[in-house]
Amino acid sequence: MELPGAAIALALTPGLVQFLKDLFGWEGKAVTALSFVVGAVLIIGLNLDPLIPGAGQWVTLAIGVLSTGLAASGYYKLAKHFTETPDTNQNEG
């Protein structure tokens, strides 16, 4: 069974956006635009095979690289952000 392109894009987009956000130091509206662009590129890439025969193999390779490398790094930082406890010393003094 093959996952639909939208499911793959939904799974990869948060990790890739987090990675790129940290890499470039972006915040605010720039990150919103980045999220759109990353999602659009993934969806377009995942649907290229019918338009360009043979593109599916390269897209599958690229998705594999992204999901195991960049996305893993981004998800680590994203998970760390949500699991950290606030520093109570900042509220003192």
N, C-alpha and C. Protein backbone atom coordinates (compact mmCIF):
# COMPACT_ATOMS: atom_id res chain seq x y z
N MET A 1 0.84 -1.18 0.00
CA MET A 1 0.00 0.00 0.00
C MET A 1 0.88 1.24 0.00
N GLU A 2 0.50 2.20 -0.77
CA GLU A 2 1.28 3.44 -0.90
C GLU A 2 0.56 4.58 -0.18
N LEU A 3 1.31 5.37 0.57
CA LEU A 3 0.71 6.52 1.25
C LEU A 3 0.38 7.61 0.25
N PRO A 4 -0.76 8.25 0.42
CA PRO A 4 -1.07 9.38 -0.46
C PRO A 4 -0.07 10.51 -0.26
N GLY A 5 0.16 11.28 -1.32
CA GLY A 5 1.12 12.37 -1.25
C GLY A 5 0.81 13.38 -0.16
N ALA A 6 -0.48 13.65 0.07
CA ALA A 6 -0.85 14.63 1.09
C ALA A 6 -0.43 14.16 2.48
N ALA A 7 -0.57 12.86 2.75
CA ALA A 7 -0.19 12.33 4.06
C ALA A 7 1.32 12.44 4.27
N ILE A 8 2.08 12.18 3.24
CA ILE A 8 3.54 12.30 3.33
C ILE A 8 3.93 13.75 3.55
N ALA A 9 3.31 14.65 2.79
CA ALA A 9 3.61 16.08 2.95
C ALA A 9 3.23 16.57 4.34
N LEU A 10 2.09 16.12 4.86
CA LEU A 10 1.68 16.53 6.21
C LEU A 10 2.65 16.02 7.27
N ALA A 11 3.20 14.85 7.04
CA ALA A 11 4.14 14.29 8.01
C ALA A 11 5.50 14.98 7.97
N LEU A 12 5.95 15.38 6.79
CA LEU A 12 7.28 15.96 6.64
C LEU A 12 7.35 17.47 6.85
N THR A 13 6.28 18.17 6.52
CA THR A 13 6.32 19.63 6.53
C THR A 13 6.72 20.23 7.88
N PRO A 14 6.13 19.81 9.02
CA PRO A 14 6.53 20.44 10.30
C PRO A 14 8.01 20.29 10.62
N GLY A 15 8.56 19.11 10.40
CA GLY A 15 9.97 18.89 10.69
C GLY A 15 10.89 19.69 9.78
N LEU A 16 10.54 19.73 8.50
CA LEU A 16 11.36 20.49 7.55
C LEU A 16 11.28 21.99 7.82
N VAL A 17 10.09 22.47 8.13
CA VAL A 17 9.93 23.90 8.43
C VAL A 17 10.72 24.26 9.68
N GLN A 18 10.65 23.43 10.70
CA GLN A 18 11.40 23.71 11.93
C GLN A 18 12.90 23.74 11.65
N PHE A 19 13.38 22.80 10.87
CA PHE A 19 14.80 22.75 10.53
C PHE A 19 15.23 24.01 9.78
N LEU A 20 14.46 24.38 8.74
CA LEU A 20 14.80 25.55 7.94
C LEU A 20 14.65 26.84 8.73
N LYS A 21 13.65 26.90 9.59
CA LYS A 21 13.44 28.07 10.45
C LYS A 21 14.65 28.30 11.34
N ASP A 22 15.13 27.22 11.96
CA ASP A 22 16.32 27.34 12.81
C ASP A 22 17.58 27.65 12.00
N LEU A 23 17.68 27.07 10.83
CA LEU A 23 18.85 27.28 9.99
C LEU A 23 18.99 28.73 9.55
N PHE A 24 17.87 29.34 9.16
CA PHE A 24 17.89 30.72 8.66
C PHE A 24 17.52 31.75 9.72
N GLY A 25 17.09 31.32 10.90
CA GLY A 25 16.73 32.24 11.97
C GLY A 25 15.46 33.03 11.68
N TRP A 26 14.54 32.42 10.93
CA TRP A 26 13.31 33.11 10.55
C TRP A 26 12.26 33.00 11.63
N GLU A 27 11.36 33.98 11.68
CA GLU A 27 10.22 33.97 12.60
C GLU A 27 9.05 34.67 11.93
N GLY A 28 7.87 34.54 12.53
CA GLY A 28 6.69 35.27 12.09
C GLY A 28 6.18 34.88 10.73
N LYS A 29 5.86 35.90 9.92
CA LYS A 29 5.25 35.68 8.62
C LYS A 29 6.17 34.93 7.65
N ALA A 30 7.46 35.09 7.83
CA ALA A 30 8.40 34.37 6.97
C ALA A 30 8.25 32.86 7.15
N VAL A 31 8.01 32.42 8.38
CA VAL A 31 7.83 30.99 8.65
C VAL A 31 6.50 30.50 8.08
N THR A 32 5.48 31.35 8.12
CA THR A 32 4.19 30.99 7.52
C THR A 32 4.36 30.77 6.03
N ALA A 33 5.07 31.67 5.37
CA ALA A 33 5.32 31.53 3.93
C ALA A 33 6.18 30.29 3.66
N LEU A 34 7.17 30.06 4.51
CA LEU A 34 8.02 28.90 4.36
C LEU A 34 7.21 27.62 4.45
N SER A 35 6.26 27.56 5.39
CA SER A 35 5.40 26.38 5.54
C SER A 35 4.63 26.10 4.27
N PHE A 36 4.08 27.16 3.69
CA PHE A 36 3.33 27.02 2.44
C PHE A 36 4.23 26.50 1.32
N VAL A 37 5.40 27.09 1.18
CA VAL A 37 6.31 26.71 0.10
C VAL A 37 6.77 25.27 0.26
N VAL A 38 7.15 24.87 1.47
CA VAL A 38 7.62 23.51 1.71
C VAL A 38 6.50 22.51 1.38
N GLY A 39 5.29 22.78 1.87
CA GLY A 39 4.16 21.89 1.59
C GLY A 39 3.87 21.81 0.10
N ALA A 40 3.88 22.94 -0.58
CA ALA A 40 3.60 22.97 -2.03
C ALA A 40 4.66 22.20 -2.81
N VAL A 41 5.93 22.40 -2.46
CA VAL A 41 7.01 21.69 -3.15
C VAL A 41 6.88 20.19 -2.95
N LEU A 42 6.55 19.77 -1.74
CA LEU A 42 6.39 18.34 -1.48
C LEU A 42 5.23 17.76 -2.27
N ILE A 43 4.09 18.43 -2.27
CA ILE A 43 2.92 17.94 -3.00
C ILE A 43 3.20 17.88 -4.51
N ILE A 44 3.81 18.93 -5.04
CA ILE A 44 4.13 18.94 -6.47
C ILE A 44 5.13 17.83 -6.80
N GLY A 45 6.16 17.70 -5.98
CA GLY A 45 7.16 16.66 -6.21
C GLY A 45 6.57 15.27 -6.17
N LEU A 46 5.66 15.05 -5.24
CA LEU A 46 5.05 13.72 -5.10
C LEU A 46 4.09 13.40 -6.24
N ASN A 47 3.69 14.38 -7.00
CA ASN A 47 2.75 14.16 -8.10
C ASN A 47 3.39 14.35 -9.47
N LEU A 48 4.71 14.37 -9.54
CA LEU A 48 5.40 14.57 -10.81
C LEU A 48 5.45 13.34 -11.70
N ASP A 49 5.37 12.16 -11.13
CA ASP A 49 5.57 10.93 -11.91
C ASP A 49 4.63 10.80 -13.10
N PRO A 50 3.33 11.10 -12.96
CA PRO A 50 2.48 11.01 -14.16
C PRO A 50 2.86 12.03 -15.24
N LEU A 51 3.42 13.16 -14.83
CA LEU A 51 3.78 14.19 -15.79
C LEU A 51 5.14 13.95 -16.43
N ILE A 52 6.07 13.44 -15.63
CA ILE A 52 7.43 13.19 -16.11
C ILE A 52 7.77 11.73 -15.78
N PRO A 53 7.67 10.84 -16.75
CA PRO A 53 7.95 9.43 -16.48
C PRO A 53 9.35 9.23 -15.89
N GLY A 54 9.42 8.45 -14.86
CA GLY A 54 10.70 8.18 -14.20
C GLY A 54 11.02 9.12 -13.05
N ALA A 55 10.27 10.20 -12.93
CA ALA A 55 10.52 11.17 -11.85
C ALA A 55 10.21 10.57 -10.48
N GLY A 56 9.32 9.59 -10.45
CA GLY A 56 8.91 8.99 -9.18
C GLY A 56 10.07 8.40 -8.39
N GLN A 57 11.02 7.79 -9.09
CA GLN A 57 12.18 7.20 -8.41
C GLN A 57 13.02 8.27 -7.72
N TRP A 58 13.21 9.40 -8.40
CA TRP A 58 14.01 10.48 -7.83
C TRP A 58 13.28 11.17 -6.69
N VAL A 59 11.98 11.32 -6.85
CA VAL A 59 11.18 11.93 -5.78
C VAL A 59 11.17 11.03 -4.56
N THR A 60 11.05 9.73 -4.76
CA THR A 60 11.08 8.78 -3.65
C THR A 60 12.42 8.85 -2.93
N LEU A 61 13.49 8.95 -3.68
CA LEU A 61 14.82 9.09 -3.08
C LEU A 61 14.92 10.38 -2.28
N ALA A 62 14.46 11.49 -2.85
CA ALA A 62 14.52 12.78 -2.16
C ALA A 62 13.67 12.76 -0.89
N ILE A 63 12.49 12.17 -0.95
CA ILE A 63 11.62 12.08 0.23
C ILE A 63 12.29 11.23 1.30
N GLY A 64 12.94 10.16 0.90
CA GLY A 64 13.65 9.32 1.88
C GLY A 64 14.76 10.08 2.58
N VAL A 65 15.52 10.84 1.81
CA VAL A 65 16.61 11.64 2.39
C VAL A 65 16.04 12.68 3.35
N LEU A 66 15.01 13.38 2.92
CA LEU A 66 14.41 14.42 3.76
C LEU A 66 13.82 13.85 5.03
N SER A 67 13.11 12.74 4.90
CA SER A 67 12.43 12.20 6.08
C SER A 67 13.39 11.63 7.10
N THR A 68 14.51 11.12 6.67
CA THR A 68 15.45 10.54 7.64
C THR A 68 16.49 11.52 8.14
N GLY A 69 16.73 12.56 7.41
CA GLY A 69 17.78 13.51 7.81
C GLY A 69 17.25 14.82 8.33
N LEU A 70 16.86 15.68 7.43
CA LEU A 70 16.42 17.02 7.81
C LEU A 70 15.19 17.00 8.71
N ALA A 71 14.22 16.19 8.36
CA ALA A 71 12.99 16.16 9.15
C ALA A 71 13.26 15.63 10.55
N ALA A 72 14.11 14.63 10.67
CA ALA A 72 14.43 14.10 12.00
C ALA A 72 15.04 15.18 12.88
N SER A 73 15.92 15.97 12.32
CA SER A 73 16.54 17.07 13.07
C SER A 73 15.49 18.09 13.48
N GLY A 74 14.61 18.44 12.56
CA GLY A 74 13.57 19.41 12.87
C GLY A 74 12.58 18.88 13.90
N TYR A 75 12.20 17.61 13.80
CA TYR A 75 11.27 17.04 14.76
C TYR A 75 11.90 16.97 16.15
N TYR A 76 13.20 16.71 16.21
CA TYR A 76 13.88 16.68 17.51
C TYR A 76 13.76 18.05 18.18
N LYS A 77 14.03 19.11 17.44
CA LYS A 77 13.95 20.46 18.01
C LYS A 77 12.52 20.83 18.35
N LEU A 78 11.58 20.41 17.51
CA LEU A 78 10.17 20.70 17.76
C LEU A 78 9.68 19.98 19.01
N ALA A 79 10.03 18.71 19.16
CA ALA A 79 9.64 17.95 20.34
C ALA A 79 10.29 18.51 21.60
N LYS A 80 11.54 18.91 21.49
CA LYS A 80 12.25 19.50 22.62
C LYS A 80 11.56 20.78 23.07
N HIS A 81 11.10 21.58 22.11
CA HIS A 81 10.41 22.83 22.42
C HIS A 81 9.14 22.56 23.23
N PHE A 82 8.39 21.52 22.87
CA PHE A 82 7.13 21.24 23.54
C PHE A 82 7.29 20.46 24.84
N THR A 83 8.44 19.85 25.08
CA THR A 83 8.62 19.07 26.30
C THR A 83 9.46 19.76 27.36
N GLU A 84 10.06 20.90 27.03
CA GLU A 84 10.85 21.63 28.02
C GLU A 84 9.93 22.25 29.06
N THR A 85 10.40 22.27 30.29
CA THR A 85 9.66 22.95 31.35
C THR A 85 10.17 24.38 31.44
N PRO A 86 9.29 25.32 31.71
CA PRO A 86 9.75 26.71 31.82
C PRO A 86 10.71 26.89 32.98
N ASP A 87 11.68 27.73 32.79
CA ASP A 87 12.66 28.02 33.83
C ASP A 87 12.04 28.96 34.86
N THR A 88 11.86 28.46 36.07
CA THR A 88 11.21 29.26 37.10
C THR A 88 12.11 30.39 37.62
N ASN A 89 13.41 30.30 37.38
CA ASN A 89 14.31 31.34 37.84
C ASN A 89 14.15 32.64 37.08
N GLN A 90 13.58 32.59 35.89
CA GLN A 90 13.40 33.80 35.10
C GLN A 90 12.36 34.72 35.70
N ASN A 91 11.42 34.17 36.47
CA ASN A 91 10.36 34.96 37.06
C ASN A 91 10.76 35.63 38.37
N GLU A 92 11.90 35.24 38.90
CA GLU A 92 12.35 35.82 40.16
C GLU A 92 13.18 37.05 39.90
N GLY A 93 13.02 38.03 40.79
CA GLY A 93 13.91 39.15 40.84
C GLY A 93 13.78 40.19 39.85
